N, C-alpha and C. Protein backbone atom coordinates (compact mmCIF):
# COMPACT_ATOMS: atom_id res chain seq x y z
N UNK A 1 -21.41 12.46 6.51
CA UNK A 1 -20.41 12.88 5.86
C UNK A 1 -19.00 12.58 7.38
N UNK A 2 -18.00 11.99 6.62
CA UNK A 2 -16.77 12.14 7.49
C UNK A 2 -16.14 13.66 7.78
N UNK A 3 -15.15 13.36 8.37
CA UNK A 3 -14.60 14.48 8.76
C UNK A 3 -13.25 13.91 8.36
N UNK A 4 -11.89 15.51 7.71
CA UNK A 4 -11.18 15.08 7.33
C UNK A 4 -10.68 14.97 8.77
N UNK A 5 -9.54 14.84 8.76
CA UNK A 5 -8.38 14.44 9.39
C UNK A 5 -6.76 13.93 9.00
N UNK A 6 -5.56 13.79 9.96
CA UNK A 6 -4.49 14.16 10.26
C UNK A 6 -4.18 12.89 9.83
N UNK A 7 -3.43 12.26 9.73
CA UNK A 7 -2.56 11.08 9.16
C UNK A 7 -1.44 10.58 9.32
N UNK A 8 -0.23 11.75 8.95
CA UNK A 8 1.03 12.30 9.08
C UNK A 8 1.18 12.85 9.34
N UNK A 9 2.09 13.79 10.06
CA UNK A 9 2.95 14.52 9.99
C UNK A 9 4.66 14.44 9.86
N UNK A 10 5.20 15.33 8.35
CA UNK A 10 6.52 14.43 8.51
C UNK A 10 7.07 16.10 8.79
N UNK A 11 7.68 15.88 9.83
CA UNK A 11 9.06 17.18 9.73
C UNK A 11 10.38 17.04 9.34
N UNK A 12 10.79 18.37 8.64
CA UNK A 12 12.11 18.54 7.72
C UNK A 12 13.06 18.69 8.87
N UNK A 13 13.47 19.07 9.56
CA UNK A 13 13.85 19.73 9.98
C UNK A 13 15.25 20.53 9.73
N UNK A 14 16.05 20.28 8.56
CA UNK A 14 16.73 20.46 7.81
C UNK A 14 15.95 22.30 7.11
N UNK A 15 14.61 21.77 5.74
CA UNK A 15 13.99 22.75 5.50
C UNK A 15 13.23 23.53 5.69
N UNK A 16 13.22 23.04 7.34
CA UNK A 16 12.07 23.99 8.44
C UNK A 16 10.75 24.19 7.72
N UNK A 17 10.45 22.87 7.37
CA UNK A 17 9.47 22.91 6.97
C UNK A 17 8.47 21.11 6.87
N UNK A 18 6.78 21.19 7.48
CA UNK A 18 6.63 20.31 7.66
C UNK A 18 5.59 20.27 6.58
N UNK A 19 5.45 18.42 6.63
CA UNK A 19 4.30 18.31 5.35
C UNK A 19 3.08 17.64 6.34
N UNK A 20 1.78 17.80 5.90
CA UNK A 20 0.45 17.58 6.61
C UNK A 20 -0.20 16.42 5.88
N UNK A 21 -0.27 15.00 5.80
CA UNK A 21 -1.64 14.27 4.98
C UNK A 21 -2.72 14.21 5.39
N UNK A 22 -3.79 14.05 4.91
CA UNK A 22 -4.72 14.11 5.42
C UNK A 22 -5.53 12.55 5.16
N UNK A 23 -6.73 12.33 5.90
CA UNK A 23 -7.20 10.77 5.43
C UNK A 23 -7.77 11.30 4.27
N UNK A 24 -7.85 11.70 3.62
CA UNK A 24 -8.54 12.58 2.04
C UNK A 24 -7.17 12.54 1.29
N UNK A 25 -6.16 11.95 1.43
CA UNK A 25 -4.86 12.02 0.12
C UNK A 25 -4.96 13.74 0.12
N UNK A 26 -5.50 14.78 0.79
CA UNK A 26 -4.56 16.27 1.22
C UNK A 26 -3.46 16.23 1.28
N UNK A 27 -2.36 17.44 0.60
CA UNK A 27 -1.53 17.54 1.80
C UNK A 27 -1.15 19.05 1.41
N UNK A 28 -0.55 19.70 2.54
CA UNK A 28 -0.52 21.01 3.23
C UNK A 28 0.78 20.37 3.55
N UNK A 29 1.40 22.33 2.78
CA UNK A 29 3.28 22.14 3.26
C UNK A 29 3.20 23.95 4.40
N UNK A 30 3.66 23.14 5.28
CA UNK A 30 4.17 24.78 6.51
C UNK A 30 5.83 25.24 5.76
N UNK A 31 5.34 25.97 5.38
CA UNK A 31 7.19 26.70 5.53
C UNK A 31 7.30 27.96 6.56
N UNK A 32 8.46 27.26 7.25
CA UNK A 32 8.65 28.26 8.23
C UNK A 32 9.50 29.39 7.65
N UNK A 33 9.15 30.23 8.40
CA UNK A 33 10.58 31.43 8.12
C UNK A 33 12.00 31.40 8.85
N UNK A 34 11.61 31.40 9.92
CA UNK A 34 13.20 31.12 10.69
C UNK A 34 12.91 30.42 11.48
N UNK A 35 14.04 30.20 12.80
CA UNK A 35 14.32 29.33 13.76
C UNK A 35 13.01 29.55 14.93
N UNK A 36 12.68 30.39 15.14
CA UNK A 36 11.81 30.60 16.15
C UNK A 36 10.43 30.02 15.51
N UNK A 37 10.22 30.50 14.69
CA UNK A 37 8.67 30.16 14.13
C UNK A 37 8.58 28.93 14.05
N UNK A 38 9.70 28.12 13.28
CA UNK A 38 9.84 26.28 13.02
C UNK A 38 9.46 25.54 14.90
N UNK A 39 10.08 26.55 15.58
CA UNK A 39 10.42 25.31 17.18
C UNK A 39 8.78 26.08 18.06
N UNK A 40 8.07 27.06 17.35
CA UNK A 40 6.86 27.59 17.68
C UNK A 40 5.48 26.70 17.22
N UNK A 41 5.94 26.41 16.20
CA UNK A 41 5.35 25.04 15.49
C UNK A 41 5.60 23.42 15.70
N UNK A 42 6.77 23.58 16.18
CA UNK A 42 7.46 21.89 16.47
C UNK A 42 6.53 21.51 18.10
N UNK A 43 6.50 22.71 18.61
CA UNK A 43 5.83 22.86 20.31
C UNK A 43 4.27 22.84 19.76
N UNK A 44 3.84 23.60 19.08
CA UNK A 44 2.21 23.13 19.15
C UNK A 44 1.88 21.98 18.38
N UNK A 45 2.55 21.43 17.53
CA UNK A 45 2.79 19.84 16.59
C UNK A 45 2.45 18.79 18.19
N UNK A 46 3.75 18.58 18.81
CA UNK A 46 4.05 17.28 19.87
C UNK A 46 3.38 17.97 20.28
N UNK A 47 2.25 19.12 20.57
CA UNK A 47 1.43 18.51 21.89
C UNK A 47 0.21 18.53 21.11
N UNK A 48 0.28 18.60 19.75
CA UNK A 48 -1.61 17.80 19.67
C UNK A 48 -0.94 16.74 18.81
N UNK A 49 -0.82 16.04 18.15
CA UNK A 49 -0.30 15.43 16.49
C UNK A 49 -0.26 13.98 18.02
N UNK A 50 -0.63 13.10 17.79
CA UNK A 50 -0.21 11.54 17.79
C UNK A 50 0.96 11.31 17.66
N UNK A 51 2.13 10.75 18.42
CA UNK A 51 3.57 10.12 18.58
C UNK A 51 3.30 9.56 16.79
N UNK A 52 2.72 8.04 16.94
CA UNK A 52 2.44 7.44 15.83
C UNK A 52 2.41 8.28 14.92
N UNK A 53 1.72 9.60 13.99
CA UNK A 53 1.43 9.94 12.99
C UNK A 53 3.36 10.72 12.55
N UNK A 54 3.47 11.23 13.68
CA UNK A 54 4.23 12.27 13.63
C UNK A 54 6.21 11.13 13.44
N UNK A 55 6.61 11.91 12.37
CA UNK A 55 7.83 11.52 11.50
C UNK A 55 8.84 12.59 11.33
N UNK A 56 10.14 12.13 11.32
CA UNK A 56 11.41 13.20 11.10
C UNK A 56 12.06 12.74 10.15
N UNK A 57 12.51 13.40 8.97
CA UNK A 57 13.05 13.04 7.75
C UNK A 57 15.06 12.44 8.47
N UNK A 58 15.34 12.46 7.99
CA UNK A 58 17.03 11.65 7.62
C UNK A 58 17.44 13.00 7.39
N UNK A 59 18.03 13.57 8.38
CA UNK A 59 19.36 14.52 7.88
C UNK A 59 20.47 14.66 6.98
N UNK A 60 20.30 14.99 6.01
CA UNK A 60 21.47 14.66 5.14
C UNK A 60 22.88 14.96 5.72
N UNK A 61 24.09 13.81 5.05
CA UNK A 61 25.09 13.55 6.26
C UNK A 61 26.06 14.19 5.18
N UNK A 62 25.55 14.94 4.33
CA UNK A 62 26.70 15.32 2.90
C UNK A 62 27.56 14.76 2.52
N UNK A 63 27.75 12.86 2.67
CA UNK A 63 28.54 12.06 1.19
C UNK A 63 27.50 11.25 0.77
N UNK A 64 27.96 10.82 -0.58
CA UNK A 64 26.95 10.10 -1.14
C UNK A 64 27.84 9.12 -1.38
N UNK A 65 26.45 7.68 -1.19
CA UNK A 65 27.06 6.57 -1.48
C UNK A 65 26.65 6.21 -2.04
N UNK A 66 27.32 5.19 -3.53
CA UNK A 66 26.88 4.48 -4.10
C UNK A 66 26.63 3.04 -3.79
């Protein structure tokens, strides 16, 4: 039996949310209530998640391009 493992971690800094994707197709969402909690989770993610599996969302610029 194969073990489930993390394939990708997406960090949305504006929403203070982490999206975790597994090799089995599962998705988990970790929503932080405040900046301190977000920074603590981010520190843990950076220490344990391989760089090639860690991505950040692009911040919204506020202008709409058509």
